[in-house]
Amino acid sequence: MDALLILGGLLLILAGLVWLVMRAFGTSLLWGCASVLPPLTLLYVVRHWRLARPALGLSALGFIPLVVGLTLMANQDSQRLAAIFSLKWLEPEKQVPAELAIKLSGVLNGQPFQPQQGELIDGLLSLREGTDFFARREVSIRLPEPVAGAVRVDVLPEDSGALPEVEVSWLLPEQDLPEARRLSRGYTLHLDLQPVPPNKLAGDFHLVLPPQFATTLSGKVELFTDGLRYRDGKVDRTIDSTDTLAHVVEDYLRRRFATRDVQLQPLPAVALPAVNVEVTVDARIDGQAQQLPILLKKNQSRGWAVSGDRFPQLPEVASPAVAPSSEAPAAAAPERVSKPLDRRLRFSLESLLRSPSRYQNLTMRVLTERGNSPEGRFQGIDPDGRIVLRQRMSGQGEVSYTLRPEEITRIELLEP
């Protein structure tokens, strides 16, 4: 209502001014040209008051709804009124530089696809368009095994065996949940990605799905390989991610115990974004197992830090000189391989609600109060707080389940 009153008042004022100029042109061509300039317009009003009075009356009438509308807006939404009078909306929008250099051409479900986000973590490659909880359009490729270093994949439609699983999804304006299609064979895929320090992969991407999916993508992509983000060569601690918290905790433990021999175990699930996070950390420090309670706090400008951290930086380590030796070199110690974390051990409904992104696209089985037992891949939590599962049916069809947490009696994670 307030916006309509303001708009109506401005239109009346504008109509009065146009009428005034028309009256000035009716007086003479010279007065008409002069009335376009505000100072000379006042002179025309003074010299020809009888002709200018009706137009000025119409403009004055427009101030009534304008003032009423501004008063209503000030009472209901003062910040909106302040933003209007600040005139910041006249300034050109600043273009934020993209984090990733993604240059893809082609279509997804027949629509242009311009992803802004990309990552390859734990063997799952995803390209997303849009920043909402559900992407407007998304391509996900689950590789048969997690990879480290360079990635080279070539798949043809006639290939069989253990192939990457491709999923495309899109969200139409009139839909609450996205639609998705999943393929395990019958497509063309080419990936040639090379590591780019500190935590990216970059290279060629080519994907062609069968004609009924109307999806063809080709070009260059750049992908993050973890949740860390860098600024000026250093980790950006303002980013809300588990990897950022792990980096902060590991740096803190090294300085606290004055040693670089710190092996941090995966952090427990935490709910992000947050301002304070309290976790119990398991780590091996100088070969000894330690369990420490740690409180992390986020500062708006400096980002995440451990509460009470006053420990100095460790001194730089100089590279030792290599002395010549006639003895044969010792056999290299076997590389220590860390066992991947099995997320089924600590899985529960509470942990799923606290950190849904940790279990994205994993297969789950749910038992409801009515005795139903749906099973499918976890797609997230919708705006109403319901858990969304998606199950592939026979052929190329799929079905989605939306379940309220209070109707779930048991939930089971089926893969690590």
Protein backbone atom coordinates (compact mmCIF):
# COMPACT_ATOMS: atom_id res chain seq x y z
CA MET A 1 0.00 0.00 0.00
CA ASP A 2 2.76 2.44 0.91
CA ALA A 3 4.54 1.82 -2.40
CA LEU A 4 1.32 2.49 -4.35
CA LEU A 5 0.77 5.79 -2.53
CA ILE A 6 4.33 6.90 -3.21
CA LEU A 7 4.10 5.92 -6.87
CA GLY A 8 0.72 7.64 -7.29
CA GLY A 9 2.04 10.84 -5.71
CA LEU A 10 5.10 10.89 -7.96
CA LEU A 11 2.92 10.38 -11.05
CA LEU A 12 0.68 13.31 -10.08
CA ILE A 13 3.69 15.56 -9.52
CA LEU A 14 5.17 14.53 -12.86
CA ALA A 15 1.83 15.08 -14.66
CA GLY A 16 1.60 18.58 -13.17
CA LEU A 17 5.09 19.48 -14.33
CA VAL A 18 4.38 18.20 -17.86
CA TRP A 19 1.17 20.23 -17.91
CA LEU A 20 3.12 23.30 -16.80
CA VAL A 21 5.61 22.93 -19.66
CA MET A 22 2.76 22.48 -22.14
CA ARG A 23 1.16 25.70 -20.89
CA ALA A 24 4.48 27.49 -21.27
CA PHE A 25 4.76 26.35 -24.90
CA GLY A 26 1.17 27.56 -25.39
CA THR A 27 2.26 31.00 -24.24
CA SER A 28 5.22 31.22 -26.62
CA LEU A 29 7.97 29.06 -27.99
CA LEU A 30 10.58 31.02 -26.00
CA TRP A 31 8.74 30.50 -22.69
CA GLY A 32 8.29 26.81 -23.54
CA CYS A 33 12.01 26.26 -24.06
CA ALA A 34 12.84 28.31 -20.96
CA SER A 35 10.41 26.38 -18.73
CA VAL A 36 12.45 23.20 -19.20
CA LEU A 37 15.17 24.75 -16.96
CA PRO A 38 14.06 24.86 -13.28
CA PRO A 39 15.18 28.46 -12.50
CA LEU A 40 13.38 29.83 -15.57
CA THR A 41 10.35 27.68 -14.74
CA LEU A 42 9.92 29.67 -11.52
CA LEU A 43 10.19 32.87 -13.52
CA TYR A 44 7.41 31.68 -15.81
CA VAL A 45 5.20 30.84 -12.82
CA VAL A 46 5.68 34.36 -11.41
CA ARG A 47 5.07 36.13 -14.73
CA HIS A 48 2.10 33.96 -15.80
CA TRP A 49 0.53 32.87 -12.51
CA ARG A 50 -3.00 32.44 -13.89
CA LEU A 51 -1.85 30.02 -16.59
CA ALA A 52 0.53 28.12 -14.31
CA ARG A 53 -1.83 27.82 -11.30
CA PRO A 54 -3.83 24.71 -12.42
CA ALA A 55 -0.65 22.74 -13.26
CA LEU A 56 0.96 23.70 -9.95
CA GLY A 57 -2.23 22.68 -8.14
CA LEU A 58 -2.07 19.21 -9.71
CA SER A 59 1.60 18.83 -8.66
CA ALA A 60 0.80 20.03 -5.14
CA LEU A 61 -2.02 17.47 -4.96
CA GLY A 62 0.54 14.73 -5.63
CA PHE A 63 2.47 15.57 -2.47
CA ILE A 64 -0.43 14.35 -0.31
CA PRO A 65 -0.24 10.61 -1.21
CA LEU A 66 3.58 10.91 -1.41
CA VAL A 67 3.89 12.10 2.18
CA VAL A 68 1.32 9.57 3.43
CA GLY A 69 3.15 6.72 1.67
CA LEU A 70 6.55 7.75 3.05
CA THR A 71 5.09 7.98 6.56
CA LEU A 72 3.62 4.47 6.33
CA MET A 73 6.90 3.09 5.01
CA ALA A 74 8.86 4.77 7.83
CA ASN A 75 6.59 3.13 10.41
CA GLN A 76 6.61 -0.33 8.83
CA ASP A 77 10.08 -0.64 7.32
CA SER A 78 12.45 2.18 8.25
CA GLN A 79 15.49 0.38 6.81
CA ARG A 80 13.85 0.19 3.40
CA LEU A 81 13.12 3.93 3.49
CA ALA A 82 16.70 4.69 4.52
CA ALA A 83 17.99 2.55 1.65
CA ILE A 84 15.83 4.51 -0.81
CA PHE A 85 17.06 7.90 0.39
CA SER A 86 20.69 6.74 0.52
CA LEU A 87 20.60 6.45 -3.32
CA LYS A 88 22.90 3.41 -3.18
CA TRP A 89 20.54 1.69 -5.59
CA LEU A 90 21.71 4.17 -8.25
CA GLU A 91 25.29 2.93 -8.00
CA PRO A 92 26.30 0.25 -10.53
CA GLU A 93 26.40 -3.26 -9.09
CA LYS A 94 29.92 -4.38 -8.31
CA GLN A 95 30.90 -7.55 -10.10
CA VAL A 96 32.35 -10.05 -7.63
CA PRO A 97 35.23 -11.94 -9.23
CA ALA A 98 34.42 -15.60 -9.71
CA GLU A 99 36.30 -18.07 -7.51
CA LEU A 100 36.50 -20.64 -10.28
CA ALA A 101 37.30 -20.32 -13.97
CA ILE A 102 34.48 -22.42 -15.45
CA LYS A 103 33.89 -22.00 -19.17
CA LEU A 104 31.28 -24.48 -20.30
CA SER A 105 29.12 -24.30 -23.41
CA GLY A 106 26.02 -26.38 -23.96
CA VAL A 107 22.67 -27.12 -22.36
CA LEU A 108 21.25 -29.10 -19.43
CA ASN A 109 17.69 -30.34 -19.93
CA GLY A 110 17.51 -28.05 -22.95
CA GLN A 111 18.43 -24.90 -20.95
CA PRO A 112 21.76 -23.00 -20.91
CA PHE A 113 23.97 -24.16 -18.05
CA GLN A 114 26.37 -21.68 -16.41
CA PRO A 115 27.67 -23.18 -13.14
CA GLN A 116 29.30 -20.94 -10.53
CA GLN A 117 30.33 -23.70 -8.11
CA GLY A 118 32.36 -26.83 -8.71
CA GLU A 119 34.14 -29.41 -6.56
CA LEU A 120 35.54 -32.91 -6.63
CA ILE A 121 35.58 -34.29 -3.08
CA ASP A 122 35.57 -37.96 -2.05
CA GLY A 123 35.08 -39.07 -5.64
CA LEU A 124 31.97 -36.89 -6.24
CA LEU A 125 32.27 -34.23 -8.95
CA SER A 126 29.54 -31.59 -8.88
CA LEU A 127 28.84 -28.48 -10.94
CA ARG A 128 26.09 -26.23 -9.57
CA GLU A 129 24.24 -23.23 -10.94
CA GLY A 130 22.69 -21.10 -8.22
CA THR A 131 23.51 -20.53 -4.55
CA ASP A 132 20.26 -21.69 -2.91
CA PHE A 133 19.87 -24.97 -0.99
CA PHE A 134 18.56 -26.63 -4.16
CA ALA A 135 20.57 -25.69 -7.25
CA ARG A 136 18.72 -24.34 -10.28
CA ARG A 137 20.66 -26.80 -12.41
CA GLU A 138 23.31 -29.32 -11.34
CA VAL A 139 25.51 -32.07 -12.76
CA SER A 140 26.88 -34.72 -10.38
CA ILE A 141 29.33 -37.46 -11.38
CA ARG A 142 30.21 -40.11 -8.80
CA LEU A 143 33.47 -41.82 -9.74
CA PRO A 144 33.84 -45.53 -8.96
CA GLU A 145 36.68 -44.78 -6.52
CA PRO A 146 38.01 -41.61 -4.84
CA VAL A 147 41.00 -40.20 -6.68
CA ALA A 148 44.09 -38.27 -5.66
CA GLY A 149 46.06 -36.10 -8.03
CA ALA A 150 45.29 -35.97 -11.74
CA VAL A 151 41.98 -37.35 -13.05
CA ARG A 152 41.58 -39.00 -16.44
CA VAL A 153 38.25 -40.62 -17.36
CA ASP A 154 36.95 -41.64 -20.78
CA VAL A 155 33.56 -43.35 -21.17
CA LEU A 156 31.71 -44.24 -24.39
CA PRO A 157 28.03 -45.26 -24.73
CA GLU A 158 28.90 -48.91 -25.41
CA ASP A 159 31.18 -49.27 -22.36
CA SER A 160 30.15 -51.48 -19.44
CA GLY A 161 31.46 -52.43 -16.03
CA ALA A 162 32.19 -50.12 -13.11
CA LEU A 163 31.44 -46.74 -14.69
CA PRO A 164 30.87 -43.32 -13.13
CA GLU A 165 27.27 -42.57 -12.19
CA VAL A 166 25.95 -39.37 -13.78
CA GLU A 167 23.04 -37.40 -12.36
CA VAL A 168 21.51 -34.19 -13.74
CA SER A 169 18.90 -32.18 -11.82
CA TRP A 170 16.97 -28.97 -12.38
CA LEU A 171 14.52 -26.85 -10.41
CA LEU A 172 11.71 -25.10 -12.28
CA PRO A 173 10.23 -21.84 -10.85
CA GLU A 174 6.89 -23.50 -10.06
CA GLN A 175 8.50 -26.49 -8.27
CA ASP A 176 9.44 -26.92 -4.60
CA LEU A 177 11.81 -29.85 -5.20
CA PRO A 178 14.15 -30.41 -8.16
CA GLU A 179 13.70 -33.12 -10.74
CA ALA A 180 16.62 -35.47 -11.40
CA ARG A 181 17.70 -38.11 -13.89
CA ARG A 182 20.46 -40.64 -13.22
CA LEU A 183 22.50 -42.76 -15.63
CA SER A 184 25.05 -45.50 -15.05
CA ARG A 185 25.85 -46.17 -18.73
CA GLY A 186 24.92 -45.14 -22.26
CA TYR A 187 26.57 -41.69 -22.15
CA THR A 188 29.81 -40.07 -23.31
CA LEU A 189 32.19 -38.59 -20.73
CA HIS A 190 35.70 -37.19 -21.00
CA LEU A 191 37.60 -35.78 -18.00
CA ASP A 192 41.20 -34.63 -18.10
CA LEU A 193 41.91 -32.70 -14.88
CA GLN A 194 45.31 -31.67 -13.55
CA PRO A 195 46.12 -30.46 -10.01
CA VAL A 196 46.40 -26.69 -9.53
CA PRO A 197 47.94 -25.61 -6.18
CA PRO A 198 46.82 -25.27 -3.53
CA ASN A 199 43.50 -27.17 -3.74
CA LYS A 200 42.07 -27.17 -7.26
CA LEU A 201 41.76 -29.34 -10.33
CA ALA A 202 41.48 -27.80 -13.79
CA GLY A 203 41.12 -29.19 -17.28
CA ASP A 204 38.77 -30.49 -19.97
CA PHE A 205 35.16 -31.53 -19.36
CA HIS A 206 32.94 -33.15 -21.98
CA LEU A 207 29.57 -34.81 -21.29
CA VAL A 208 26.89 -35.97 -23.73
CA LEU A 209 23.75 -37.76 -22.48
CA PRO A 210 21.23 -39.64 -24.64
CA PRO A 211 18.97 -37.38 -26.77
CA GLN A 212 15.93 -37.63 -24.46
CA PHE A 213 17.88 -35.85 -21.70
CA ALA A 214 18.77 -32.83 -23.92
CA THR A 215 22.13 -32.42 -22.14
CA THR A 216 25.41 -31.66 -23.88
CA LEU A 217 28.26 -29.87 -22.08
CA SER A 218 31.79 -29.18 -23.24
CA GLY A 219 34.59 -26.82 -22.18
CA LYS A 220 37.04 -26.07 -19.38
CA VAL A 221 36.28 -26.48 -15.67
CA GLU A 222 38.00 -25.67 -12.40
CA LEU A 223 37.07 -27.58 -9.23
CA PHE A 224 37.84 -27.34 -5.54
CA THR A 225 39.20 -30.52 -3.94
CA ASP A 226 38.30 -29.64 -0.34
CA GLY A 227 36.42 -27.08 1.74
CA LEU A 228 39.36 -24.69 2.18
CA ARG A 229 39.44 -21.30 0.49
CA TYR A 230 42.55 -19.16 0.11
CA ARG A 231 43.14 -15.41 0.17
CA ASP A 232 46.55 -13.92 -0.62
CA GLY A 233 48.13 -17.35 -0.36
CA LYS A 234 46.73 -18.06 3.12
CA VAL A 235 43.72 -20.04 4.28
CA ASP A 236 40.64 -17.83 4.55
CA ARG A 237 39.41 -18.48 8.09
CA THR A 238 36.10 -16.69 7.56
CA ILE A 239 34.72 -19.61 5.48
CA ASP A 240 32.26 -21.86 7.30
CA SER A 241 33.40 -25.41 6.54
CA THR A 242 34.63 -28.43 8.44
CA ASP A 243 37.95 -28.26 6.59
CA THR A 244 38.46 -24.68 7.80
CA LEU A 245 37.83 -25.73 11.40
CA ALA A 246 40.22 -28.67 11.04
CA HIS A 247 42.94 -26.36 9.67
CA VAL A 248 42.48 -23.94 12.59
CA VAL A 249 42.56 -26.74 15.18
CA GLU A 250 45.65 -28.39 13.65
CA ASP A 251 47.54 -25.08 13.57
CA TYR A 252 46.55 -24.44 17.19
CA LEU A 253 47.74 -27.88 18.36
CA ARG A 254 51.10 -27.48 16.63
CA ARG A 255 51.76 -24.17 18.36
CA ARG A 256 50.36 -25.28 21.72
CA PHE A 257 52.56 -28.38 21.92
CA ALA A 258 55.47 -26.79 19.98
CA THR A 259 55.67 -29.66 17.50
CA ARG A 260 54.84 -30.24 13.88
CA ASP A 261 54.08 -33.92 14.46
CA VAL A 262 50.28 -33.55 14.77
CA GLN A 263 47.91 -36.03 13.15
CA LEU A 264 44.36 -34.77 13.55
CA GLN A 265 41.46 -37.21 13.33
CA PRO A 266 38.29 -36.13 11.47
CA LEU A 267 36.26 -33.66 13.50
CA PRO A 268 32.81 -34.67 14.72
CA ALA A 269 29.80 -33.32 12.84
CA VAL A 270 29.11 -29.65 13.57
CA ALA A 271 26.26 -27.38 12.56
CA LEU A 272 27.39 -24.56 10.28
CA PRO A 273 27.09 -21.62 9.93
CA ALA A 274 27.65 -20.78 13.59
CA VAL A 275 29.47 -18.32 15.85
CA ASN A 276 30.69 -20.74 18.55
CA VAL A 277 31.56 -24.41 18.04
CA GLU A 278 32.60 -26.73 20.86
CA VAL A 279 34.23 -30.00 19.80
CA THR A 280 36.23 -32.81 21.38
CA VAL A 281 39.32 -33.38 19.24
CA ASP A 282 41.15 -36.68 18.82
CA ALA A 283 44.75 -36.35 17.64
CA ARG A 284 48.15 -38.03 17.83
CA ILE A 285 50.75 -35.53 19.02
CA ASP A 286 54.37 -36.68 18.93
CA GLY A 287 53.06 -40.23 18.60
CA GLN A 288 50.80 -40.05 21.68
CA ALA A 289 47.01 -40.13 21.51
CA GLN A 290 45.34 -37.02 22.91
CA GLN A 291 41.70 -36.07 23.42
CA LEU A 292 41.10 -32.36 23.99
CA PRO A 293 37.95 -30.25 24.34
CA ILE A 294 38.26 -27.14 22.17
CA LEU A 295 36.02 -24.09 21.79
CA LEU A 296 36.18 -22.30 18.45
CA LYS A 297 34.85 -18.78 18.00
CA LYS A 298 34.30 -16.82 14.81
CA ASN A 299 35.25 -13.16 14.52
CA GLN A 300 33.55 -11.17 11.77
CA SER A 301 36.83 -9.90 10.32
CA ARG A 302 39.50 -12.44 11.39
CA GLY A 303 37.40 -15.58 11.05
CA TRP A 304 37.67 -18.77 13.12
CA ALA A 305 40.11 -19.11 16.03
CA VAL A 306 40.47 -21.25 19.15
CA SER A 307 39.31 -19.51 22.31
CA GLY A 308 42.25 -18.57 24.55
CA ASP A 309 44.86 -19.10 21.80
CA ARG A 310 47.96 -17.08 22.81
CA PHE A 311 50.67 -19.46 21.63
CA PRO A 312 53.46 -18.10 19.39
CA GLN A 313 54.22 -19.24 15.89
CA LEU A 314 56.64 -22.13 15.42
CA PRO A 315 60.11 -21.19 14.13
CA GLU A 316 60.86 -21.85 10.49
CA VAL A 317 62.58 -25.18 9.85
CA ALA A 318 65.81 -24.93 7.85
CA SER A 319 66.49 -27.65 5.31
CA PRO A 320 69.34 -29.83 6.64
CA ALA A 321 72.43 -30.18 4.50
CA VAL A 322 72.84 -33.58 2.90
CA ALA A 323 76.23 -35.10 3.80
CA PRO A 324 77.82 -37.39 1.24
CA SER A 325 77.79 -41.00 2.27
CA SER A 326 79.14 -44.15 0.73
CA GLU A 327 76.48 -46.26 2.38
CA ALA A 328 73.52 -47.42 0.41
CA PRO A 329 70.37 -45.37 1.04
CA ALA A 330 67.98 -46.84 3.54
CA ALA A 331 64.79 -48.29 2.23
CA ALA A 332 62.00 -45.75 2.14
CA ALA A 333 59.51 -46.08 4.92
CA PRO A 334 56.15 -47.33 3.74
CA GLU A 335 53.66 -44.55 3.20
CA ARG A 336 51.13 -44.31 5.96
CA VAL A 337 47.67 -44.75 4.62
CA SER A 338 44.86 -43.33 6.69
CA LYS A 339 41.74 -45.40 6.83
CA PRO A 340 38.71 -43.49 5.55
CA LEU A 341 36.19 -42.51 8.17
CA ASP A 342 33.12 -44.76 8.37
CA ARG A 343 30.24 -42.32 8.89
CA ARG A 344 27.90 -45.18 9.82
CA LEU A 345 29.50 -45.54 13.28
CA ARG A 346 28.21 -42.26 14.74
CA PHE A 347 25.18 -41.84 12.50
CA SER A 348 21.85 -40.92 14.05
CA LEU A 349 18.81 -38.79 13.26
CA GLU A 350 20.20 -36.01 15.45
CA SER A 351 23.56 -35.95 13.63
CA LEU A 352 21.74 -35.90 10.28
CA LEU A 353 19.67 -32.86 11.31
CA ARG A 354 22.74 -31.09 12.74
CA SER A 355 24.92 -31.52 9.63
CA PRO A 356 22.90 -32.60 6.57
CA SER A 357 25.66 -31.68 4.09
CA ARG A 358 27.91 -34.37 5.63
CA TYR A 359 25.57 -37.12 4.39
CA GLN A 360 24.55 -35.64 1.03
CA ASN A 361 23.81 -38.29 -1.66
CA LEU A 362 24.43 -41.22 0.72
CA THR A 363 21.99 -44.15 0.79
CA MET A 364 19.74 -44.47 3.86
CA ARG A 365 16.90 -46.68 5.06
CA VAL A 366 14.12 -45.23 7.23
CA LEU A 367 11.49 -46.96 9.39
CA THR A 368 8.39 -44.84 10.06
CA GLU A 369 5.70 -45.06 12.73
CA ARG A 370 3.29 -46.58 10.18
CA GLY A 371 5.72 -49.42 9.47
CA ASN A 372 6.85 -48.16 6.07
CA SER A 373 10.52 -48.61 5.19
CA PRO A 374 11.55 -46.26 2.35
CA GLU A 375 15.11 -46.37 1.11
CA GLY A 376 17.02 -43.90 -1.09
CA ARG A 377 19.76 -41.35 -1.41
CA PHE A 378 19.62 -38.40 0.99
CA GLN A 379 18.99 -35.16 -0.95
CA GLY A 380 18.87 -32.70 1.95
CA ILE A 381 16.29 -31.04 4.19
CA ASP A 382 13.59 -28.94 2.55
CA PRO A 383 12.50 -25.49 3.86
CA ASP A 384 9.78 -27.16 5.99
CA GLY A 385 12.37 -29.25 7.86
CA ARG A 386 11.46 -32.54 6.17
CA ILE A 387 14.04 -35.13 5.14
CA VAL A 388 14.16 -35.78 1.38
CA LEU A 389 15.15 -39.20 0.00
CA ARG A 390 15.30 -40.12 -3.68
CA GLN A 391 15.07 -43.73 -4.91
CA ARG A 392 15.67 -44.97 -8.42
CA MET A 393 12.92 -47.23 -9.72
CA SER A 394 12.98 -49.71 -12.57
CA GLY A 395 14.02 -48.23 -15.88
CA GLN A 396 14.75 -44.52 -15.69
CA GLY A 397 12.06 -43.49 -13.24
CA GLU A 398 12.63 -42.14 -9.73
CA VAL A 399 10.56 -41.48 -6.64
CA SER A 400 11.14 -38.95 -3.86
CA TYR A 401 10.16 -39.36 -0.19
CA THR A 402 9.65 -36.43 2.19
CA LEU A 403 9.56 -37.46 5.85
CA ARG A 404 9.02 -35.43 9.00
CA PRO A 405 11.62 -36.18 11.71
CA GLU A 406 8.95 -36.85 14.33
CA GLU A 407 7.45 -39.74 12.30
CA ILE A 408 10.79 -41.56 11.98
CA THR A 409 11.39 -44.33 14.51
CA ARG A 410 14.71 -45.56 13.10
CA ILE A 411 17.13 -44.40 10.42
CA GLU A 412 20.10 -46.33 9.08
CA LEU A 413 23.04 -45.24 6.92
CA LEU A 414 23.85 -47.94 4.34
CA GLU A 415 27.25 -46.76 3.07
CA PRO A 416 30.35 -45.30 4.75
